[in-house]
C-alpha atoms as a PDB file:
ATOM      1  CA  UNK A   1     -96.958   6.668  49.340  1.00  0.00           C
ATOM      2  CA  UNK A   2     -98.549   5.981  52.978  1.00  0.00           C
ATOM      3  CA  UNK A   3     -97.490   9.225  55.036  1.00  0.00           C
ATOM      4  CA  UNK A   4     -96.356   6.837  57.788  1.00  0.00           C
ATOM      5  CA  UNK A   5     -94.352   5.205  56.395  1.00  0.00           C
ATOM      6  CA  UNK A   6     -90.329   6.114  56.613  1.00  0.00           C
ATOM      7  CA  UNK A   7     -88.157   6.498  53.335  1.00  0.00           C
ATOM      8  CA  UNK A   8     -85.049   4.839  53.949  1.00  0.00           C
ATOM      9  CA  UNK A   9     -81.646   5.898  51.872  1.00  0.00           C
ATOM     10  CA  UNK A  10     -77.463   4.657  51.803  1.00  0.00           C
ATOM     11  CA  UNK A  11     -74.794   6.323  50.489  1.00  0.00           C
ATOM     12  CA  UNK A  12     -71.125   6.931  50.690  1.00  0.00           C
ATOM     13  CA  UNK A  13     -69.532  10.012  51.413  1.00  0.00           C
ATOM     14  CA  UNK A  14     -66.090  10.714  51.648  1.00  0.00           C
ATOM     15  CA  UNK A  15     -64.233  11.783  54.518  1.00  0.00           C
ATOM     16  CA  UNK A  16     -63.887  15.731  53.043  1.00  0.00           C
ATOM     17  CA  UNK A  17     -68.278  15.530  52.569  1.00  0.00           C
ATOM     18  CA  UNK A  18     -68.906  13.804  56.516  1.00  0.00           C
ATOM     19  CA  UNK A  19     -66.849  17.068  57.705  1.00  0.00           C
ATOM     20  CA  UNK A  20     -68.555  20.097  55.211  1.00  0.00           C
ATOM     21  CA  UNK A  21     -71.484  18.201  56.692  1.00  0.00           C
ATOM     22  CA  UNK A  22     -70.940  18.262  60.462  1.00  0.00           C
ATOM     23  CA  UNK A  23     -69.990  22.092  60.421  1.00  0.00           C
ATOM     24  CA  UNK A  24     -73.355  23.001  57.857  1.00  0.00           C
ATOM     25  CA  UNK A  25     -75.547  21.424  61.099  1.00  0.00           C
ATOM     26  CA  UNK A  26     -73.415  23.325  63.270  1.00  0.00           C
ATOM     27  CA  UNK A  27     -73.821  26.286  61.746  1.00  0.00           C
ATOM     28  CA  UNK A  28     -77.405  26.007  61.008  1.00  0.00           C
ATOM     29  CA  UNK A  29     -78.218  24.608  64.552  1.00  0.00           C
ATOM     30  CA  UNK A  30     -76.338  27.941  65.656  1.00  0.00           C
ATOM     31  CA  UNK A  31     -78.751  30.320  63.187  1.00  0.00           C
ATOM     32  CA  UNK A  32     -81.561  28.138  64.346  1.00  0.00           C
ATOM     33  CA  UNK A  33     -84.798  30.356  64.217  1.00  0.00           C
ATOM     34  CA  UNK A  34     -87.254  27.862  64.978  1.00  0.00           C
ATOM     35  CA  UNK A  35     -89.827  26.155  63.215  1.00  0.00           C
ATOM     36  CA  UNK A  36     -93.261  26.079  64.449  1.00  0.00           C
ATOM     37  CA  UNK A  37     -94.538  23.637  62.023  1.00  0.00           C
ATOM     38  CA  UNK A  38     -92.314  21.108  62.480  1.00  0.00           C
ATOM     39  CA  UNK A  39     -91.292  21.116  66.555  1.00  0.00           C
ATOM     40  CA  UNK A  40     -88.848  18.177  65.863  1.00  0.00           C
ATOM     41  CA  UNK A  41     -86.831  19.905  63.262  1.00  0.00           C
ATOM     42  CA  UNK A  42     -84.263  20.705  66.098  1.00  0.00           C
ATOM     43  CA  UNK A  43     -83.823  17.273  67.472  1.00  0.00           C
ATOM     44  CA  UNK A  44     -83.379  15.484  64.249  1.00  0.00           C
ATOM     45  CA  UNK A  45     -80.949  18.635  63.638  1.00  0.00           C
ATOM     46  CA  UNK A  46     -79.079  17.682  66.736  1.00  0.00           C
ATOM     47  CA  UNK A  47     -79.212  13.495  66.298  1.00  0.00           C
ATOM     48  CA  UNK A  48     -77.577  14.213  62.716  1.00  0.00           C
ATOM     49  CA  UNK A  49     -74.880  16.292  64.054  1.00  0.00           C
ATOM     50  CA  UNK A  50     -74.216  13.899  66.848  1.00  0.00           C
ATOM     51  CA  UNK A  51     -73.990  10.898  64.114  1.00  0.00           C
ATOM     52  CA  UNK A  52     -71.653  12.897  61.531  1.00  0.00           C
ATOM     53  CA  UNK A  53     -69.784  13.574  64.949  1.00  0.00           C
ATOM     54  CA  UNK A  54     -69.444   9.816  65.431  1.00  0.00           C
ATOM     55  CA  UNK A  55     -68.354   9.251  61.886  1.00  0.00           C
ATOM     56  CA  UNK A  56     -65.254  11.762  62.314  1.00  0.00           C
ATOM     57  CA  UNK A  57     -64.522   9.962  65.578  1.00  0.00           C
ATOM     58  CA  UNK A  58     -64.028   6.803  64.127  1.00  0.00           C
ATOM     59  CA  UNK A  59     -62.043   8.076  61.307  1.00  0.00           C
ATOM     60  CA  UNK A  60     -59.983   9.287  63.659  1.00  0.00           C
ATOM     61  CA  UNK A  61     -60.150   6.351  65.873  1.00  0.00           C
ATOM     62  CA  UNK A  62     -59.083   4.174  62.443  1.00  0.00           C
ATOM     63  CA  UNK A  63     -56.274   6.451  61.125  1.00  0.00           C
ATOM     64  CA  UNK A  64     -55.093   7.459  64.786  1.00  0.00           C
ATOM     65  CA  UNK A  65     -55.722  10.866  63.675  1.00  0.00           C
ATOM     66  CA  UNK A  66     -55.552  14.060  65.937  1.00  0.00           C
ATOM     67  CA  UNK A  67     -57.296  16.303  63.103  1.00  0.00           C
END
């Protein structure tokens, strides 16, 4: 496979899994030691964290939760 070609995946997650991944991303970013081999890793982690937070907000909006 060509290294320039992006590989995409689609999957279903229950809310508890979304929340757990978000918490793991928060922890990993807080403890992030840096990565000289991939300078964009931290940026991707921030983007992932933001996207998982949006999923949690969407759940609160749909179900009028205050969790």
